[in-house]
Amino acid sequence: SMHNSAADFMAHQFKPVMKFIESTTG
């Protein structure tokens, strides 16, 4: 919904987000 970028969302780019959310160290 941000629509502020010309970048296309790709599934592999979301993996670090999931790792960050699940990380215990932040």
PDB file of all heavy atoms in Angstrom:
ATOM      1  N   SER A   1       0.799  -1.220   0.000  1.00  0.00           N
ATOM      2  CA  SER A   1       0.000   0.000   0.000  1.00  0.00           C
ATOM      3  C   SER A   1       0.834   1.273   0.000  1.00  0.00           C
ATOM      4  O   SER A   1       0.290   2.348  -0.170  1.00  0.00           O
ATOM      5  CB  SER A   1      -0.929   0.009   1.214  1.00  0.00           C
ATOM      6  OG  SER A   1      -0.176   0.100   2.396  1.00  0.00           O
ATOM      7  N   MET A   2       2.124   1.183   0.181  1.00  0.00           N
ATOM      8  CA  MET A   2       2.914   2.401   0.285  1.00  0.00           C
ATOM      9  C   MET A   2       2.978   3.175  -1.032  1.00  0.00           C
ATOM     10  O   MET A   2       2.932   4.376  -1.035  1.00  0.00           O
ATOM     11  CB  MET A   2       4.308   2.083   0.814  1.00  0.00           C
ATOM     12  CG  MET A   2       4.269   1.701   2.264  1.00  0.00           C
ATOM     13  SD  MET A   2       5.895   1.566   2.956  1.00  0.00           S
ATOM     14  CE  MET A   2       5.490   1.025   4.581  1.00  0.00           C
ATOM     15  N   HIS A   3       3.113   2.522  -2.133  1.00  0.00           N
ATOM     16  CA  HIS A   3       3.125   3.140  -3.467  1.00  0.00           C
ATOM     17  C   HIS A   3       4.068   4.333  -3.567  1.00  0.00           C
ATOM     18  O   HIS A   3       3.833   5.251  -4.328  1.00  0.00           O
ATOM     19  CB  HIS A   3       1.714   3.581  -3.876  1.00  0.00           C
ATOM     20  CG  HIS A   3       0.742   2.463  -3.957  1.00  0.00           C
ATOM     21  ND1 HIS A   3       0.868   1.420  -4.839  1.00  0.00           N
ATOM     22  CD2 HIS A   3      -0.380   2.214  -3.237  1.00  0.00           C
ATOM     23  CE1 HIS A   3      -0.135   0.581  -4.682  1.00  0.00           C
ATOM     24  NE2 HIS A   3      -0.910   1.031  -3.712  1.00  0.00           N
ATOM     25  N   ASN A   4       5.107   4.362  -2.765  1.00  0.00           N
ATOM     26  CA  ASN A   4       6.049   5.472  -2.793  1.00  0.00           C
ATOM     27  C   ASN A   4       7.320   5.127  -3.547  1.00  0.00           C
ATOM     28  O   ASN A   4       8.238   5.917  -3.570  1.00  0.00           O
ATOM     29  CB  ASN A   4       6.424   5.886  -1.358  1.00  0.00           C
ATOM     30  CG  ASN A   4       5.254   6.500  -0.640  1.00  0.00           C
ATOM     31  OD1 ASN A   4       4.392   7.085  -1.267  1.00  0.00           O
ATOM     32  ND2 ASN A   4       5.231   6.369   0.663  1.00  0.00           N
ATOM     33  N   SER A   5       7.382   3.974  -4.140  1.00  0.00           N
ATOM     34  CA  SER A   5       8.614   3.535  -4.765  1.00  0.00           C
ATOM     35  C   SER A   5       8.311   2.867  -6.099  1.00  0.00           C
ATOM     36  O   SER A   5       7.234   2.327  -6.308  1.00  0.00           O
ATOM     37  CB  SER A   5       9.310   2.544  -3.836  1.00  0.00           C
ATOM     38  OG  SER A   5      10.381   1.941  -4.491  1.00  0.00           O
ATOM     39  N   ALA A   6       9.295   2.906  -6.963  1.00  0.00           N
ATOM     40  CA  ALA A   6       9.153   2.207  -8.239  1.00  0.00           C
ATOM     41  C   ALA A   6       9.634   0.767  -8.113  1.00  0.00           C
ATOM     42  O   ALA A   6       9.612   0.021  -9.075  1.00  0.00           O
ATOM     43  CB  ALA A   6       9.955   2.932  -9.320  1.00  0.00           C
ATOM     44  N   ALA A   7      10.066   0.370  -6.926  1.00  0.00           N
ATOM     45  CA  ALA A   7      10.580  -0.987  -6.712  1.00  0.00           C
ATOM     46  C   ALA A   7       9.433  -1.987  -6.702  1.00  0.00           C
ATOM     47  O   ALA A   7       8.351  -1.708  -6.202  1.00  0.00           O
ATOM     48  CB  ALA A   7      11.332  -1.051  -5.384  1.00  0.00           C
ATOM     49  N   ASP A   8       9.691  -3.152  -7.266  1.00  0.00           N
ATOM     50  CA  ASP A   8       8.712  -4.239  -7.249  1.00  0.00           C
ATOM     51  C   ASP A   8       9.009  -5.142  -6.065  1.00  0.00           C
ATOM     52  O   ASP A   8      10.155  -5.466  -5.776  1.00  0.00           O
ATOM     53  CB  ASP A   8       8.797  -5.065  -8.546  1.00  0.00           C
ATOM     54  CG  ASP A   8       8.366  -4.259  -9.756  1.00  0.00           C
ATOM     55  OD1 ASP A   8       7.464  -3.418  -9.610  1.00  0.00           O
ATOM     56  OD2 ASP A   8       8.946  -4.471 -10.838  1.00  0.00           O
ATOM     57  N   PHE A   9       7.957  -5.564  -5.388  1.00  0.00           N
ATOM     58  CA  PHE A   9       8.103  -6.488  -4.271  1.00  0.00           C
ATOM     59  C   PHE A   9       8.456  -7.867  -4.800  1.00  0.00           C
ATOM     60  O   PHE A   9       7.798  -8.383  -5.696  1.00  0.00           O
ATOM     61  CB  PHE A   9       6.808  -6.554  -3.463  1.00  0.00           C
ATOM     62  CG  PHE A   9       6.870  -7.551  -2.348  1.00  0.00           C
ATOM     63  CD1 PHE A   9       7.485  -7.223  -1.155  1.00  0.00           C
ATOM     64  CD2 PHE A   9       6.358  -8.819  -2.487  1.00  0.00           C
ATOM     65  CE1 PHE A   9       7.557  -8.136  -0.118  1.00  0.00           C
ATOM     66  CE2 PHE A   9       6.417  -9.741  -1.470  1.00  0.00           C
ATOM     67  CZ  PHE A   9       7.025  -9.396  -0.281  1.00  0.00           C
ATOM     68  N   MET A  10       9.513  -8.472  -4.261  1.00  0.00           N
ATOM     69  CA  MET A  10       9.907  -9.838  -4.615  1.00  0.00           C
ATOM     70  C   MET A  10       9.973 -10.652  -3.334  1.00  0.00           C
ATOM     71  O   MET A  10      10.442 -10.166  -2.306  1.00  0.00           O
ATOM     72  CB  MET A  10      11.258  -9.832  -5.316  1.00  0.00           C
ATOM     73  CG  MET A  10      11.233  -9.091  -6.630  1.00  0.00           C
ATOM     74  SD  MET A  10      12.807  -9.198  -7.447  1.00  0.00           S
ATOM     75  CE  MET A  10      12.545  -8.069  -8.776  1.00  0.00           C
ATOM     76  N   ALA A  11       9.501 -11.871  -3.390  1.00  0.00           N
ATOM     77  CA  ALA A  11       9.368 -12.710  -2.196  1.00  0.00           C
ATOM     78  C   ALA A  11      10.685 -12.872  -1.439  1.00  0.00           C
ATOM     79  O   ALA A  11      10.706 -12.849  -0.217  1.00  0.00           O
ATOM     80  CB  ALA A  11       8.798 -14.067  -2.573  1.00  0.00           C
ATOM     81  N   HIS A  12      11.812 -13.015  -2.158  1.00  0.00           N
ATOM     82  CA  HIS A  12      13.084 -13.233  -1.464  1.00  0.00           C
ATOM     83  C   HIS A  12      13.501 -12.010  -0.649  1.00  0.00           C
ATOM     84  O   HIS A  12      14.283 -12.126   0.288  1.00  0.00           O
ATOM     85  CB  HIS A  12      14.196 -13.631  -2.459  1.00  0.00           C
ATOM     86  CG  HIS A  12      14.706 -12.496  -3.293  1.00  0.00           C
ATOM     87  ND1 HIS A  12      14.108 -12.124  -4.476  1.00  0.00           N
ATOM     88  CD2 HIS A  12      15.747 -11.655  -3.110  1.00  0.00           C
ATOM     89  CE1 HIS A  12      14.766 -11.103  -4.992  1.00  0.00           C
ATOM     90  NE2 HIS A  12      15.768 -10.796  -4.185  1.00  0.00           N
ATOM     91  N   GLN A  13      12.966 -10.833  -0.976  1.00  0.00           N
ATOM     92  CA  GLN A  13      13.309  -9.629  -0.224  1.00  0.00           C
ATOM     93  C   GLN A  13      12.564  -9.558   1.112  1.00  0.00           C
ATOM     94  O   GLN A  13      12.909  -8.763   1.967  1.00  0.00           O
ATOM     95  CB  GLN A  13      12.999  -8.381  -1.058  1.00  0.00           C
ATOM     96  CG  GLN A  13      13.889  -8.263  -2.275  1.00  0.00           C
ATOM     97  CD  GLN A  13      13.443  -7.160  -3.215  1.00  0.00           C
ATOM     98  OE1 GLN A  13      12.283  -6.776  -3.241  1.00  0.00           O
ATOM     99  NE2 GLN A  13      14.383  -6.663  -4.001  1.00  0.00           N
ATOM    100  N   PHE A  14      11.559 -10.371   1.283  1.00  0.00           N
ATOM    101  CA  PHE A  14      10.788 -10.366   2.524  1.00  0.00           C
ATOM    102  C   PHE A  14      11.394 -11.307   3.572  1.00  0.00           C
ATOM    103  O   PHE A  14      11.125 -11.171   4.759  1.00  0.00           O
ATOM    104  CB  PHE A  14       9.335 -10.760   2.231  1.00  0.00           C
ATOM    105  CG  PHE A  14       8.396 -10.464   3.340  1.00  0.00           C
ATOM    106  CD1 PHE A  14       8.108  -9.161   3.699  1.00  0.00           C
ATOM    107  CD2 PHE A  14       7.793 -11.479   4.043  1.00  0.00           C
ATOM    108  CE1 PHE A  14       7.238  -8.879   4.730  1.00  0.00           C
ATOM    109  CE2 PHE A  14       6.924 -11.218   5.078  1.00  0.00           C
ATOM    110  CZ  PHE A  14       6.646  -9.912   5.420  1.00  0.00           C
ATOM    111  N   LYS A  15      12.250 -12.247   3.146  1.00  0.00           N
ATOM    112  CA  LYS A  15      12.862 -13.198   4.085  1.00  0.00           C
ATOM    113  C   LYS A  15      13.654 -12.521   5.200  1.00  0.00           C
ATOM    114  O   LYS A  15      13.539 -12.908   6.360  1.00  0.00           O
ATOM    115  CB  LYS A  15      13.732 -14.204   3.335  1.00  0.00           C
ATOM    116  CG  LYS A  15      12.923 -15.224   2.562  1.00  0.00           C
ATOM    117  CD  LYS A  15      13.815 -16.212   1.853  1.00  0.00           C
ATOM    118  CE  LYS A  15      12.990 -17.196   1.058  1.00  0.00           C
ATOM    119  NZ  LYS A  15      13.828 -18.154   0.344  1.00  0.00           N
ATOM    120  N   PRO A  16      14.475 -11.480   4.912  1.00  0.00           N
ATOM    121  CA  PRO A  16      15.184 -10.815   6.005  1.00  0.00           C
ATOM    122  C   PRO A  16      14.234 -10.156   7.013  1.00  0.00           C
ATOM    123  O   PRO A  16      14.532 -10.086   8.195  1.00  0.00           O
ATOM    124  CB  PRO A  16      16.044  -9.762   5.310  1.00  0.00           C
ATOM    125  CG  PRO A  16      16.210 -10.264   3.929  1.00  0.00           C
ATOM    126  CD  PRO A  16      14.951 -11.001   3.606  1.00  0.00           C
ATOM    127  N   VAL A  17      13.078  -9.689   6.552  1.00  0.00           N
ATOM    128  CA  VAL A  17      12.090  -9.102   7.463  1.00  0.00           C
ATOM    129  C   VAL A  17      11.635 -10.155   8.465  1.00  0.00           C
ATOM    130  O   VAL A  17      11.576  -9.907   9.671  1.00  0.00           O
ATOM    131  CB  VAL A  17      10.881  -8.537   6.687  1.00  0.00           C
ATOM    132  CG1 VAL A  17       9.823  -8.020   7.642  1.00  0.00           C
ATOM    133  CG2 VAL A  17      11.317  -7.452   5.728  1.00  0.00           C
ATOM    134  N   MET A  18      11.340 -11.346   7.963  1.00  0.00           N
ATOM    135  CA  MET A  18      10.885 -12.432   8.835  1.00  0.00           C
ATOM    136  C   MET A  18      11.997 -12.827   9.811  1.00  0.00           C
ATOM    137  O   MET A  18      11.740 -13.050  10.995  1.00  0.00           O
ATOM    138  CB  MET A  18      10.455 -13.645   8.014  1.00  0.00           C
ATOM    139  CG  MET A  18       9.344 -13.349   7.015  1.00  0.00           C
ATOM    140  SD  MET A  18       7.919 -12.574   7.755  1.00  0.00           S
ATOM    141  CE  MET A  18       7.303 -13.914   8.703  1.00  0.00           C
ATOM    142  N   LYS A  19      13.241 -12.892   9.323  1.00  0.00           N
ATOM    143  CA  LYS A  19      14.363 -13.229  10.215  1.00  0.00           C
ATOM    144  C   LYS A  19      14.537 -12.168  11.297  1.00  0.00           C
ATOM    145  O   LYS A  19      14.804 -12.485  12.446  1.00  0.00           O
ATOM    146  CB  LYS A  19      15.661 -13.377   9.420  1.00  0.00           C
ATOM    147  CG  LYS A  19      15.764 -14.676   8.688  1.00  0.00           C
ATOM    148  CD  LYS A  19      17.138 -14.827   8.063  1.00  0.00           C
ATOM    149  CE  LYS A  19      17.245 -16.162   7.363  1.00  0.00           C
ATOM    150  NZ  LYS A  19      18.577 -16.377   6.813  1.00  0.00           N
ATOM    151  N   PHE A  20      14.372 -10.888  10.918  1.00  0.00           N
ATOM    152  CA  PHE A  20      14.513  -9.801  11.888  1.00  0.00           C
ATOM    153  C   PHE A  20      13.424  -9.875  12.952  1.00  0.00           C
ATOM    154  O   PHE A  20      13.687  -9.725  14.142  1.00  0.00           O
ATOM    155  CB  PHE A  20      14.464  -8.448  11.176  1.00  0.00           C
ATOM    156  CG  PHE A  20      14.594  -7.286  12.115  1.00  0.00           C
ATOM    157  CD1 PHE A  20      15.813  -6.962  12.667  1.00  0.00           C
ATOM    158  CD2 PHE A  20      13.491  -6.526  12.451  1.00  0.00           C
ATOM    159  CE1 PHE A  20      15.941  -5.899  13.537  1.00  0.00           C
ATOM    160  CE2 PHE A  20      13.607  -5.464  13.322  1.00  0.00           C
ATOM    161  CZ  PHE A  20      14.830  -5.145  13.867  1.00  0.00           C
ATOM    162  N   ILE A  21      12.191 -10.126  12.546  1.00  0.00           N
ATOM    163  CA  ILE A  21      11.073 -10.218  13.492  1.00  0.00           C
ATOM    164  C   ILE A  21      11.296 -11.366  14.469  1.00  0.00           C
ATOM    165  O   ILE A  21      11.026 -11.246  15.664  1.00  0.00           O
ATOM    166  CB  ILE A  21       9.738 -10.395  12.737  1.00  0.00           C
ATOM    167  CG1 ILE A  21       9.365  -9.091  12.022  1.00  0.00           C
ATOM    168  CG2 ILE A  21       8.620 -10.811  13.685  1.00  0.00           C
ATOM    169  CD1 ILE A  21       8.199  -9.217  11.096  1.00  0.00           C
ATOM    170  N   GLU A  22      11.824 -12.471  13.984  1.00  0.00           N
ATOM    171  CA  GLU A  22      12.010 -13.651  14.827  1.00  0.00           C
ATOM    172  C   GLU A  22      13.340 -13.635  15.582  1.00  0.00           C
ATOM    173  O   GLU A  22      13.566 -14.484  16.434  1.00  0.00           O
ATOM    174  CB  GLU A  22      11.913 -14.911  13.965  1.00  0.00           C
ATOM    175  CG  GLU A  22      10.513 -15.105  13.395  1.00  0.00           C
ATOM    176  CD  GLU A  22      10.448 -16.163  12.317  1.00  0.00           C
ATOM    177  OE1 GLU A  22      11.502 -16.664  11.885  1.00  0.00           O
ATOM    178  OE2 GLU A  22       9.331 -16.476  11.899  1.00  0.00           O
ATOM    179  N   SER A  23      14.200 -12.654  15.295  1.00  0.00           N
ATOM    180  CA  SER A  23      15.512 -12.635  15.941  1.00  0.00           C
ATOM    181  C   SER A  23      15.387 -12.266  17.412  1.00  0.00           C
ATOM    182  O   SER A  23      14.566 -11.448  17.800  1.00  0.00           O
ATOM    183  CB  SER A  23      16.440 -11.664  15.214  1.00  0.00           C
ATOM    184  OG  SER A  23      16.623 -10.490  15.914  1.00  0.00           O
ATOM    185  N   THR A  24      16.201 -12.886  18.224  1.00  0.00           N
ATOM    186  CA  THR A  24      16.181 -12.593  19.653  1.00  0.00           C
ATOM    187  C   THR A  24      17.070 -11.403  19.993  1.00  0.00           C
ATOM    188  O   THR A  24      16.900 -10.794  21.035  1.00  0.00           O
ATOM    189  CB  THR A  24      16.657 -13.812  20.466  1.00  0.00           C
ATOM    190  OG1 THR A  24      17.945 -14.190  20.016  1.00  0.00           O
ATOM    191  CG2 THR A  24      15.688 -14.961  20.301  1.00  0.00           C
ATOM    192  N   THR A  25      18.013 -11.074  19.120  1.00  0.00           N
ATOM    193  CA  THR A  25      18.943  -9.979  19.401  1.00  0.00           C
ATOM    194  C   THR A  25      18.483  -8.653  18.829  1.00  0.00           C
ATOM    195  O   THR A  25      18.989  -7.610  19.224  1.00  0.00           O
ATOM    196  CB  THR A  25      20.334 -10.294  18.812  1.00  0.00           C
ATOM    197  OG1 THR A  25      20.219 -10.406  17.391  1.00  0.00           O
ATOM    198  CG2 THR A  25      20.904 -11.550  19.409  1.00  0.00           C
ATOM    199  N   GLY A  26      17.558  -8.665  17.876  1.00  0.00           N
ATOM    200  CA  GLY A  26      17.136  -7.424  17.236  1.00  0.00           C
ATOM    201  C   GLY A  26      18.144  -6.899  16.240  1.00  0.00           C
ATOM    202  O   GLY A  26      18.143  -5.732  15.892  1.00  0.00           O
TER     203      GLY A  26
END
